[in-house]
PDB file of all heavy atoms in Angstrom:
ATOM      1  N   GLY A   1     124.851 119.331  72.182  1.00  0.00           N
ATOM      2  CA  GLY A   1     125.172 118.597  73.403  1.00  0.00           C
ATOM      3  C   GLY A   1     126.501 117.874  73.310  1.00  0.00           C
ATOM      4  O   GLY A   1     127.219 117.733  74.307  1.00  0.00           O
ATOM      5  N   ASP A   2     126.848 117.418  72.107  1.00  0.00           N
ATOM      6  CA  ASP A   2     128.115 116.711  71.910  1.00  0.00           C
ATOM      7  C   ASP A   2     129.302 117.626  72.189  1.00  0.00           C
ATOM      8  O   ASP A   2     130.242 117.248  72.885  1.00  0.00           O
ATOM      9  CB  ASP A   2     128.179 116.181  70.477  1.00  0.00           C
ATOM     10  CG  ASP A   2     129.508 115.526  70.155  1.00  0.00           C
ATOM     11  OD1 ASP A   2     129.762 114.426  70.671  1.00  0.00           O
ATOM     12  OD2 ASP A   2     130.293 116.124  69.393  1.00  0.00           O
ATOM     13  N   SER A   3     129.270 118.846  71.660  1.00  0.00           N
ATOM     14  CA  SER A   3     130.399 119.759  71.860  1.00  0.00           C
ATOM     15  C   SER A   3     130.463 120.260  73.300  1.00  0.00           C
ATOM     16  O   SER A   3     131.559 120.486  73.833  1.00  0.00           O
ATOM     17  CB  SER A   3     130.318 120.935  70.885  1.00  0.00           C
ATOM     18  OG  SER A   3     129.078 121.590  70.975  1.00  0.00           O
ATOM     19  N   ARG A   4     129.309 120.446  73.941  1.00  0.00           N
ATOM     20  CA  ARG A   4     129.316 120.876  75.352  1.00  0.00           C
ATOM     21  C   ARG A   4     129.866 119.759  76.237  1.00  0.00           C
ATOM     22  O   ARG A   4     130.628 120.008  77.171  1.00  0.00           O
ATOM     23  CB  ARG A   4     127.907 121.278  75.813  1.00  0.00           C
ATOM     24  CG  ARG A   4     127.560 122.733  75.540  1.00  0.00           C
ATOM     25  CD  ARG A   4     127.387 123.011  74.077  1.00  0.00           C
ATOM     26  NE  ARG A   4     127.228 124.428  73.771  1.00  0.00           N
ATOM     27  CZ  ARG A   4     127.292 124.915  72.535  1.00  0.00           C
ATOM     28  NH1 ARG A   4     127.500 124.114  71.503  1.00  0.00           N
ATOM     29  NH2 ARG A   4     127.161 126.199  72.317  1.00  0.00           N
ATOM     30  N   TRP A   5     129.456 118.529  75.933  1.00  0.00           N
ATOM     31  CA  TRP A   5     130.033 117.384  76.649  1.00  0.00           C
ATOM     32  C   TRP A   5     131.551 117.379  76.502  1.00  0.00           C
ATOM     33  O   TRP A   5     132.285 117.180  77.472  1.00  0.00           O
ATOM     34  CB  TRP A   5     129.440 116.090  76.070  1.00  0.00           C
ATOM     35  CG  TRP A   5     130.287 114.899  76.317  1.00  0.00           C
ATOM     36  CD1 TRP A   5     130.326 114.134  77.448  1.00  0.00           C
ATOM     37  CD2 TRP A   5     131.275 114.349  75.435  1.00  0.00           C
ATOM     38  NE1 TRP A   5     131.270 113.145  77.314  1.00  0.00           N
ATOM     39  CE2 TRP A   5     131.868 113.249  76.097  1.00  0.00           C
ATOM     40  CE3 TRP A   5     131.713 114.670  74.141  1.00  0.00           C
ATOM     41  CZ2 TRP A   5     132.868 112.486  75.516  1.00  0.00           C
ATOM     42  CZ3 TRP A   5     132.710 113.911  73.565  1.00  0.00           C
ATOM     43  CH2 TRP A   5     133.277 112.832  74.240  1.00  0.00           C
ATOM     44  N   HIS A   6     132.000 117.616  75.278  1.00  0.00           N
ATOM     45  CA  HIS A   6     133.420 117.531  74.983  1.00  0.00           C
ATOM     46  C   HIS A   6     134.223 118.595  75.722  1.00  0.00           C
ATOM     47  O   HIS A   6     135.193 118.289  76.421  1.00  0.00           O
ATOM     48  CB  HIS A   6     133.634 117.671  73.474  1.00  0.00           C
ATOM     49  CG  HIS A   6     135.061 117.695  73.065  1.00  0.00           C
ATOM     50  ND1 HIS A   6     135.742 118.869  72.869  1.00  0.00           N
ATOM     51  CD2 HIS A   6     135.941 116.699  72.827  1.00  0.00           C
ATOM     52  CE1 HIS A   6     136.990 118.593  72.536  1.00  0.00           C
ATOM     53  NE2 HIS A   6     137.149 117.291  72.490  1.00  0.00           N
ATOM     54  N   GLU A   7     133.832 119.854  75.577  1.00  0.00           N
ATOM     55  CA  GLU A   7     134.615 120.936  76.165  1.00  0.00           C
ATOM     56  C   GLU A   7     134.571 120.914  77.687  1.00  0.00           C
ATOM     57  O   GLU A   7     135.595 121.103  78.346  1.00  0.00           O
ATOM     58  CB  GLU A   7     134.114 122.286  75.642  1.00  0.00           C
ATOM     59  CG  GLU A   7     134.688 122.663  74.300  1.00  0.00           C
ATOM     60  CD  GLU A   7     136.214 122.729  74.353  1.00  0.00           C
ATOM     61  OE1 GLU A   7     136.760 123.716  74.873  1.00  0.00           O
ATOM     62  OE2 GLU A   7     136.850 121.770  73.888  1.00  0.00           O
ATOM     63  N   CYS A   8     133.394 120.697  78.244  1.00  0.00           N
ATOM     64  CA  CYS A   8     133.301 120.675  79.705  1.00  0.00           C
ATOM     65  C   CYS A   8     133.952 119.421  80.273  1.00  0.00           C
ATOM     66  O   CYS A   8     134.411 119.418  81.419  1.00  0.00           O
ATOM     67  CB  CYS A   8     131.843 120.788  80.142  1.00  0.00           C
ATOM     68  SG  CYS A   8     131.128 122.411  79.762  1.00  0.00           S
ATOM     69  N   GLY A   9     134.023 118.359  79.479  1.00  0.00           N
ATOM     70  CA  GLY A   9     134.765 117.176  79.902  1.00  0.00           C
ATOM     71  C   GLY A   9     136.250 117.466  80.037  1.00  0.00           C
ATOM     72  O   GLY A   9     136.924 116.902  80.904  1.00  0.00           O
ATOM     73  N   HIS A  10     136.761 118.335  79.192  1.00  0.00           N
ATOM     74  CA  HIS A  10     138.156 118.763  79.316  1.00  0.00           C
ATOM     75  C   HIS A  10     138.349 119.717  80.497  1.00  0.00           C
ATOM     76  O   HIS A  10     139.481 119.945  80.921  1.00  0.00           O
ATOM     77  CB  HIS A  10     138.605 119.471  78.035  1.00  0.00           C
ATOM     78  CG  HIS A  10     139.057 118.547  76.959  1.00  0.00           C
ATOM     79  ND1 HIS A  10     140.289 117.961  76.950  1.00  0.00           N
ATOM     80  CD2 HIS A  10     138.418 118.094  75.844  1.00  0.00           C
ATOM     81  CE1 HIS A  10     140.423 117.193  75.876  1.00  0.00           C
ATOM     82  NE2 HIS A  10     139.292 117.255  75.182  1.00  0.00           N
ATOM     83  N   GLY A  11     137.246 120.283  80.998  1.00  0.00           N
ATOM     84  CA  GLY A  11     137.346 121.220  82.110  1.00  0.00           C
ATOM     85  C   GLY A  11     137.878 122.579  81.722  1.00  0.00           C
ATOM     86  O   GLY A  11     138.381 123.328  82.572  1.00  0.00           O
ATOM     87  N   THR A  12     137.771 122.934  80.427  1.00  0.00           N
ATOM     88  CA  THR A  12     138.354 124.186  79.951  1.00  0.00           C
ATOM     89  C   THR A  12     137.321 125.259  79.618  1.00  0.00           C
ATOM     90  O   THR A  12     137.684 126.419  79.443  1.00  0.00           O
ATOM     91  CB  THR A  12     139.202 123.927  78.694  1.00  0.00           C
ATOM     92  OG1 THR A  12     138.382 123.306  77.697  1.00  0.00           O
ATOM     93  CG2 THR A  12     140.376 123.036  79.010  1.00  0.00           C
ATOM     94  N   ALA A  13     136.048 124.873  79.470  1.00  0.00           N
ATOM     95  CA  ALA A  13     135.048 125.855  79.041  1.00  0.00           C
ATOM     96  C   ALA A  13     134.894 126.965  80.075  1.00  0.00           C
ATOM     97  O   ALA A  13     134.889 128.150  79.741  1.00  0.00           O
ATOM     98  CB  ALA A  13     133.709 125.162  78.796  1.00  0.00           C
ATOM     99  N   PHE A  14     134.751 126.583  81.336  1.00  0.00           N
ATOM    100  CA  PHE A  14     134.614 127.531  82.445  1.00  0.00           C
ATOM    101  C   PHE A  14     135.875 127.494  83.307  1.00  0.00           C
ATOM    102  O   PHE A  14     136.569 126.481  83.370  1.00  0.00           O
ATOM    103  CB  PHE A  14     133.422 127.151  83.332  1.00  0.00           C
ATOM    104  CG  PHE A  14     132.084 127.150  82.649  1.00  0.00           C
ATOM    105  CD1 PHE A  14     131.637 126.004  81.994  1.00  0.00           C
ATOM    106  CD2 PHE A  14     131.262 128.265  82.675  1.00  0.00           C
ATOM    107  CE1 PHE A  14     130.394 125.985  81.377  1.00  0.00           C
ATOM    108  CE2 PHE A  14     130.021 128.252  82.063  1.00  0.00           C
ATOM    109  CZ  PHE A  14     129.581 127.100  81.409  1.00  0.00           C
ATOM    110  N   LYS A  15     136.121 128.571  83.994  1.00  0.00           N
ATOM    111  CA  LYS A  15     137.191 128.585  84.986  1.00  0.00           C
ATOM    112  C   LYS A  15     136.736 127.887  86.267  1.00  0.00           C
ATOM    113  O   LYS A  15     137.520 127.203  86.928  1.00  0.00           O
ATOM    114  CB  LYS A  15     137.600 130.037  85.303  1.00  0.00           C
ATOM    115  CG  LYS A  15     138.709 130.159  86.335  1.00  0.00           C
ATOM    116  CD  LYS A  15     139.067 131.619  86.581  1.00  0.00           C
ATOM    117  CE  LYS A  15     140.171 131.731  87.626  1.00  0.00           C
ATOM    118  NZ  LYS A  15     140.536 133.154  87.876  1.00  0.00           N
ATOM    119  N   THR A  16     135.440 128.046  86.610  1.00  0.00           N
ATOM    120  CA  THR A  16     134.891 127.473  87.843  1.00  0.00           C
ATOM    121  C   THR A  16     134.581 125.993  87.641  1.00  0.00           C
ATOM    122  O   THR A  16     133.761 125.644  86.780  1.00  0.00           O
ATOM    123  CB  THR A  16     133.612 128.223  88.250  1.00  0.00           C
ATOM    124  OG1 THR A  16     133.917 129.624  88.359  1.00  0.00           O
ATOM    125  CG2 THR A  16     133.075 127.705  89.561  1.00  0.00           C
ATOM    126  N   PRO A  17     135.203 125.091  88.404  1.00  0.00           N
ATOM    127  CA  PRO A  17     135.053 123.647  88.165  1.00  0.00           C
ATOM    128  C   PRO A  17     133.612 123.151  88.202  1.00  0.00           C
ATOM    129  O   PRO A  17     133.212 122.320  87.374  1.00  0.00           O
ATOM    130  CB  PRO A  17     135.894 123.012  89.277  1.00  0.00           C
ATOM    131  CG  PRO A  17     136.933 124.042  89.594  1.00  0.00           C
ATOM    132  CD  PRO A  17     136.231 125.357  89.442  1.00  0.00           C
ATOM    133  N   TRP A  18     132.793 123.653  89.154  1.00  0.00           N
ATOM    134  CA  TRP A  18     131.448 123.106  89.263  1.00  0.00           C
ATOM    135  C   TRP A  18     130.595 123.480  88.047  1.00  0.00           C
ATOM    136  O   TRP A  18     129.675 122.735  87.676  1.00  0.00           O
ATOM    137  CB  TRP A  18     130.765 123.544  90.561  1.00  0.00           C
ATOM    138  CG  TRP A  18     130.386 125.002  90.676  1.00  0.00           C
ATOM    139  CD1 TRP A  18     131.091 125.977  91.306  1.00  0.00           C
ATOM    140  CD2 TRP A  18     129.198 125.624  90.160  1.00  0.00           C
ATOM    141  NE1 TRP A  18     130.424 127.177  91.220  1.00  0.00           N
ATOM    142  CE2 TRP A  18     129.256 126.987  90.522  1.00  0.00           C
ATOM    143  CE3 TRP A  18     128.104 125.166  89.429  1.00  0.00           C
ATOM    144  CZ2 TRP A  18     128.257 127.899  90.179  1.00  0.00           C
ATOM    145  CZ3 TRP A  18     127.101 126.075  89.090  1.00  0.00           C
ATOM    146  CH2 TRP A  18     127.186 127.420  89.453  1.00  0.00           C
ATOM    147  N   MET A  19     130.893 124.603  87.412  1.00  0.00           N
ATOM    148  CA  MET A  19     130.157 124.969  86.201  1.00  0.00           C
ATOM    149  C   MET A  19     130.454 123.978  85.078  1.00  0.00           C
ATOM    150  O   MET A  19     129.553 123.541  84.358  1.00  0.00           O
ATOM    151  CB  MET A  19     130.523 126.390  85.765  1.00  0.00           C
ATOM    152  CG  MET A  19     130.069 127.471  86.724  1.00  0.00           C
ATOM    153  SD  MET A  19     130.479 129.133  86.090  1.00  0.00           S
ATOM    154  CE  MET A  19     129.885 130.153  87.438  1.00  0.00           C
ATOM    155  N   ASN A  20     131.736 123.633  84.914  1.00  0.00           N
ATOM    156  CA  ASN A  20     132.087 122.600  83.948  1.00  0.00           C
ATOM    157  C   ASN A  20     131.371 121.296  84.263  1.00  0.00           C
ATOM    158  O   ASN A  20     130.851 120.631  83.364  1.00  0.00           O
ATOM    159  CB  ASN A  20     133.599 122.352  83.952  1.00  0.00           C
ATOM    160  CG  ASN A  20     134.372 123.393  83.170  1.00  0.00           C
ATOM    161  OD1 ASN A  20     134.086 123.669  82.017  1.00  0.00           O
ATOM    162  ND2 ASN A  20     135.370 123.983  83.818  1.00  0.00           N
ATOM    163  N   ALA A  21     131.332 120.923  85.549  1.00  0.00           N
ATOM    164  CA  ALA A  21     130.733 119.649  85.942  1.00  0.00           C
ATOM    165  C   ALA A  21     129.239 119.611  85.648  1.00  0.00           C
ATOM    166  O   ALA A  21     128.712 118.599  85.169  1.00  0.00           O
ATOM    167  CB  ALA A  21     130.995 119.393  87.431  1.00  0.00           C
ATOM    168  N   VAL A  22     128.544 120.721  85.936  1.00  0.00           N
ATOM    169  CA  VAL A  22     127.098 120.762  85.710  1.00  0.00           C
ATOM    170  C   VAL A  22     126.770 120.616  84.228  1.00  0.00           C
ATOM    171  O   VAL A  22     125.955 119.777  83.816  1.00  0.00           O
ATOM    172  CB  VAL A  22     126.488 122.068  86.273  1.00  0.00           C
ATOM    173  CG1 VAL A  22     125.049 122.248  85.789  1.00  0.00           C
ATOM    174  CG2 VAL A  22     126.517 122.043  87.803  1.00  0.00           C
ATOM    175  N   VAL A  23     127.411 121.434  83.377  1.00  0.00           N
ATOM    176  CA  VAL A  23     127.126 121.376  81.942  1.00  0.00           C
ATOM    177  C   VAL A  23     127.580 120.039  81.364  1.00  0.00           C
ATOM    178  O   VAL A  23     126.904 119.463  80.503  1.00  0.00           O
ATOM    179  CB  VAL A  23     127.798 122.555  81.211  1.00  0.00           C
ATOM    180  CG1 VAL A  23     127.612 122.439  79.696  1.00  0.00           C
ATOM    181  CG2 VAL A  23     127.224 123.877  81.709  1.00  0.00           C
ATOM    182  N   TYR A  24     128.703 119.514  81.855  1.00  0.00           N
ATOM    183  CA  TYR A  24     129.198 118.223  81.368  1.00  0.00           C
ATOM    184  C   TYR A  24     128.192 117.109  81.646  1.00  0.00           C
ATOM    185  O   TYR A  24     127.904 116.287  80.765  1.00  0.00           O
ATOM    186  CB  TYR A  24     130.537 117.886  82.026  1.00  0.00           C
ATOM    187  CG  TYR A  24     131.047 116.506  81.678  1.00  0.00           C
ATOM    188  CD1 TYR A  24     131.537 116.231  80.396  1.00  0.00           C
ATOM    189  CD2 TYR A  24     131.036 115.481  82.617  1.00  0.00           C
ATOM    190  CE1 TYR A  24     132.004 114.970  80.070  1.00  0.00           C
ATOM    191  CE2 TYR A  24     131.494 114.214  82.296  1.00  0.00           C
ATOM    192  CZ  TYR A  24     131.973 113.962  81.022  1.00  0.00           C
ATOM    193  OH  TYR A  24     132.432 112.697  80.689  1.00  0.00           O
ATOM    194  N   ASN A  25     127.641 117.081  82.843  1.00  0.00           N
ATOM    195  CA  ASN A  25     126.699 116.011  83.186  1.00  0.00           C
ATOM    196  C   ASN A  25     125.373 116.160  82.446  1.00  0.00           C
ATOM    197  O   ASN A  25     124.780 115.160  82.022  1.00  0.00           O
ATOM    198  CB  ASN A  25     126.482 115.964  84.696  1.00  0.00           C
ATOM    199  CG  ASN A  25     127.580 115.204  85.411  1.00  0.00           C
ATOM    200  OD1 ASN A  25     127.567 113.988  85.492  1.00  0.00           O
ATOM    201  ND2 ASN A  25     128.556 115.932  85.944  1.00  0.00           N
ATOM    202  N   ILE A  26     124.898 117.388  82.275  1.00  0.00           N
ATOM    203  CA  ILE A  26     123.666 117.594  81.498  1.00  0.00           C
ATOM    204  C   ILE A  26     123.875 117.147  80.058  1.00  0.00           C
ATOM    205  O   ILE A  26     123.056 116.432  79.473  1.00  0.00           O
ATOM    206  CB  ILE A  26     123.223 119.068  81.555  1.00  0.00           C
ATOM    207  CG1 ILE A  26     122.793 119.445  82.976  1.00  0.00           C
ATOM    208  CG2 ILE A  26     122.080 119.321  80.579  1.00  0.00           C
ATOM    209  CD1 ILE A  26     122.515 120.935  83.154  1.00  0.00           C
ATOM    210  N   ALA A  27     124.998 117.557  79.470  1.00  0.00           N
ATOM    211  CA  ALA A  27     125.294 117.189  78.085  1.00  0.00           C
ATOM    212  C   ALA A  27     125.507 115.684  77.946  1.00  0.00           C
ATOM    213  O   ALA A  27     125.098 115.084  76.943  1.00  0.00           O
ATOM    214  CB  ALA A  27     126.523 117.941  77.594  1.00  0.00           C
ATOM    215  N   SER A  28     126.130 115.052  78.930  1.00  0.00           N
ATOM    216  CA  SER A  28     126.321 113.603  78.891  1.00  0.00           C
ATOM    217  C   SER A  28     124.977 112.886  78.867  1.00  0.00           C
ATOM    218  O   SER A  28     124.782 111.918  78.116  1.00  0.00           O
ATOM    219  CB  SER A  28     127.134 113.137  80.099  1.00  0.00           C
ATOM    220  OG  SER A  28     128.435 113.667  80.080  1.00  0.00           O
ATOM    221  N   PHE A  29     124.043 113.364  79.681  1.00  0.00           N
ATOM    222  CA  PHE A  29     122.700 112.769  79.675  1.00  0.00           C
ATOM    223  C   PHE A  29     122.031 112.962  78.321  1.00  0.00           C
ATOM    224  O   PHE A  29     121.444 112.024  77.767  1.00  0.00           O
ATOM    225  CB  PHE A  29     121.848 113.413  80.771  1.00  0.00           C
ATOM    226  CG  PHE A  29     120.398 113.034  80.677  1.00  0.00           C
ATOM    227  CD1 PHE A  29     119.955 111.796  81.107  1.00  0.00           C
ATOM    228  CD2 PHE A  29     119.477 113.916  80.135  1.00  0.00           C
ATOM    229  CE1 PHE A  29     118.622 111.432  80.997  1.00  0.00           C
ATOM    230  CE2 PHE A  29     118.135 113.571  80.017  1.00  0.00           C
ATOM    231  CZ  PHE A  29     117.710 112.324  80.448  1.00  0.00           C
ATOM    232  N   MET A  30     122.108 114.170  77.777  1.00  0.00           N
ATOM    233  CA  MET A  30     121.489 114.450  76.486  1.00  0.00           C
ATOM    234  C   MET A  30     122.046 113.545  75.392  1.00  0.00           C
ATOM    235  O   MET A  30     121.304 113.086  74.511  1.00  0.00           O
ATOM    236  CB  MET A  30     121.697 115.924  76.111  1.00  0.00           C
ATOM    237  CG  MET A  30     120.916 116.900  76.980  1.00  0.00           C
ATOM    238  SD  MET A  30     121.559 118.596  76.893  1.00  0.00           S
ATOM    239  CE  MET A  30     121.423 118.965  75.155  1.00  0.00           C
ATOM    240  N   MET A  31     123.351 113.263  75.436  1.00  0.00           N
ATOM    241  CA  MET A  31     123.991 112.451  74.405  1.00  0.00           C
ATOM    242  C   MET A  31     123.973 110.966  74.736  1.00  0.00           C
ATOM    243  O   MET A  31     124.534 110.157  74.000  1.00  0.00           O
ATOM    244  CB  MET A  31     125.440 112.918  74.209  1.00  0.00           C
ATOM    245  CG  MET A  31     125.578 114.359  73.757  1.00  0.00           C
ATOM    246  SD  MET A  31     124.647 114.733  72.256  1.00  0.00           S
ATOM    247  CE  MET A  31     125.467 113.682  71.053  1.00  0.00           C
ATOM    248  N   MET A  32     123.313 110.590  75.845  1.00  0.00           N
ATOM    249  CA  MET A  32     123.224 109.188  76.286  1.00  0.00           C
ATOM    250  C   MET A  32     124.614 108.600  76.514  1.00  0.00           C
ATOM    251  O   MET A  32     124.900 107.450  76.146  1.00  0.00           O
ATOM    252  CB  MET A  32     122.452 108.330  75.280  1.00  0.00           C
ATOM    253  CG  MET A  32     121.008 108.724  75.107  1.00  0.00           C
ATOM    254  SD  MET A  32     120.154 107.591  73.985  1.00  0.00           S
ATOM    255  CE  MET A  32     118.485 108.264  74.027  1.00  0.00           C
ATOM    256  N   ARG A  33     125.486 109.383  77.103  1.00  0.00           N
ATOM    257  CA  ARG A  33     126.849 108.940  77.381  1.00  0.00           C
ATOM    258  C   ARG A  33     127.082 108.915  78.880  1.00  0.00           C
ATOM    259  O   ARG A  33     126.786 109.887  79.568  1.00  0.00           O
ATOM    260  CB  ARG A  33     127.859 109.874  76.721  1.00  0.00           C
ATOM    261  CG  ARG A  33     127.805 109.850  75.218  1.00  0.00           C
ATOM    262  CD  ARG A  33     128.662 110.919  74.603  1.00  0.00           C
ATOM    263  NE  ARG A  33     128.555 110.896  73.147  1.00  0.00           N
ATOM    264  CZ  ARG A  33     128.994 111.848  72.343  1.00  0.00           C
ATOM    265  NH1 ARG A  33     129.596 112.915  72.872  1.00  0.00           N
ATOM    266  NH2 ARG A  33     128.859 111.752  71.047  1.00  0.00           N
ATOM    267  N   ASN A  34     127.622 107.840  79.361  1.00  0.00           N
ATOM    268  CA  ASN A  34     127.948 107.767  80.777  1.00  0.00           C
ATOM    269  C   ASN A  34     129.072 108.760  81.061  1.00  0.00           C
ATOM    270  O   ASN A  34     130.158 108.680  80.479  1.00  0.00           O
ATOM    271  CB  ASN A  34     128.385 106.353  81.148  1.00  0.00           C
ATOM    272  CG  ASN A  34     128.490 106.168  82.646  1.00  0.00           C
ATOM    273  OD1 ASN A  34     129.374 106.730  83.291  1.00  0.00           O
ATOM    274  ND2 ASN A  34     127.589 105.387  83.208  1.00  0.00           N
ATOM    275  N   ALA A  35     128.815 109.699  81.942  1.00  0.00           N
ATOM    276  CA  ALA A  35     129.758 110.799  82.188  1.00  0.00           C
ATOM    277  C   ALA A  35     131.104 110.307  82.698  1.00  0.00           C
ATOM    278  O   ALA A  35     132.138 110.938  82.431  1.00  0.00           O
ATOM    279  CB  ALA A  35     129.144 111.791  83.181  1.00  0.00           C
ATOM    280  N   VAL A  36     131.119 109.186  83.422  1.00  0.00           N
ATOM    281  CA  VAL A  36     132.379 108.647  83.942  1.00  0.00           C
ATOM    282  C   VAL A  36     133.139 107.923  82.840  1.00  0.00           C
ATOM    283  O   VAL A  36     134.310 108.202  82.568  1.00  0.00           O
ATOM    284  CB  VAL A  36     132.108 107.693  85.128  1.00  0.00           C
ATOM    285  CG1 VAL A  36     133.421 107.118  85.640  1.00  0.00           C
ATOM    286  CG2 VAL A  36     131.371 108.414  86.237  1.00  0.00           C
ATOM    287  N   THR A  37     132.450 107.019  82.161  1.00  0.00           N
ATOM    288  CA  THR A  37     133.103 106.217  81.115  1.00  0.00           C
ATOM    289  C   THR A  37     133.680 107.078  80.019  1.00  0.00           C
ATOM    290  O   THR A  37     134.836 106.909  79.602  1.00  0.00           O
ATOM    291  CB  THR A  37     132.085 105.241  80.493  1.00  0.00           C
ATOM    292  OG1 THR A  37     131.565 104.392  81.518  1.00  0.00           O
ATOM    293  CG2 THR A  37     132.734 104.404  79.414  1.00  0.00           C
ATOM    294  N   TRP A  38     132.887 108.039  79.543  1.00  0.00           N
ATOM    295  CA  TRP A  38     133.320 108.809  78.390  1.00  0.00           C
ATOM    296  C   TRP A  38     134.448 109.775  78.717  1.00  0.00           C
ATOM    297  O   TRP A  38     135.221 110.147  77.841  1.00  0.00           O
ATOM    298  CB  TRP A  38     132.122 109.537  77.767  1.00  0.00           C
ATOM    299  CG  TRP A  38     131.347 108.617  76.888  1.00  0.00           C
ATOM    300  CD1 TRP A  38     130.544 107.589  77.274  1.00  0.00           C
ATOM    301  CD2 TRP A  38     131.342 108.603  75.449  1.00  0.00           C
ATOM    302  NE1 TRP A  38     130.023 106.946  76.177  1.00  0.00           N
ATOM    303  CE2 TRP A  38     130.492 107.550  75.050  1.00  0.00           C
ATOM    304  CE3 TRP A  38     131.942 109.384  74.489  1.00  0.00           C
ATOM    305  CZ2 TRP A  38     130.249 107.258  73.713  1.00  0.00           C
ATOM    306  CZ3 TRP A  38     131.705 109.098  73.152  1.00  0.00           C
ATOM    307  CH2 TRP A  38     130.867 108.039  72.775  1.00  0.00           C
TER     308      TRP A  38
END
């Protein structure tokens, strides 16, 4: 979850923005990290 949060936070894992956003928010929840703050 940490690495998925990281890569999708950069917006580089997927070309499609909403895919990055979905995985980023799921991973942020899993890692107990506020998606905005982090």
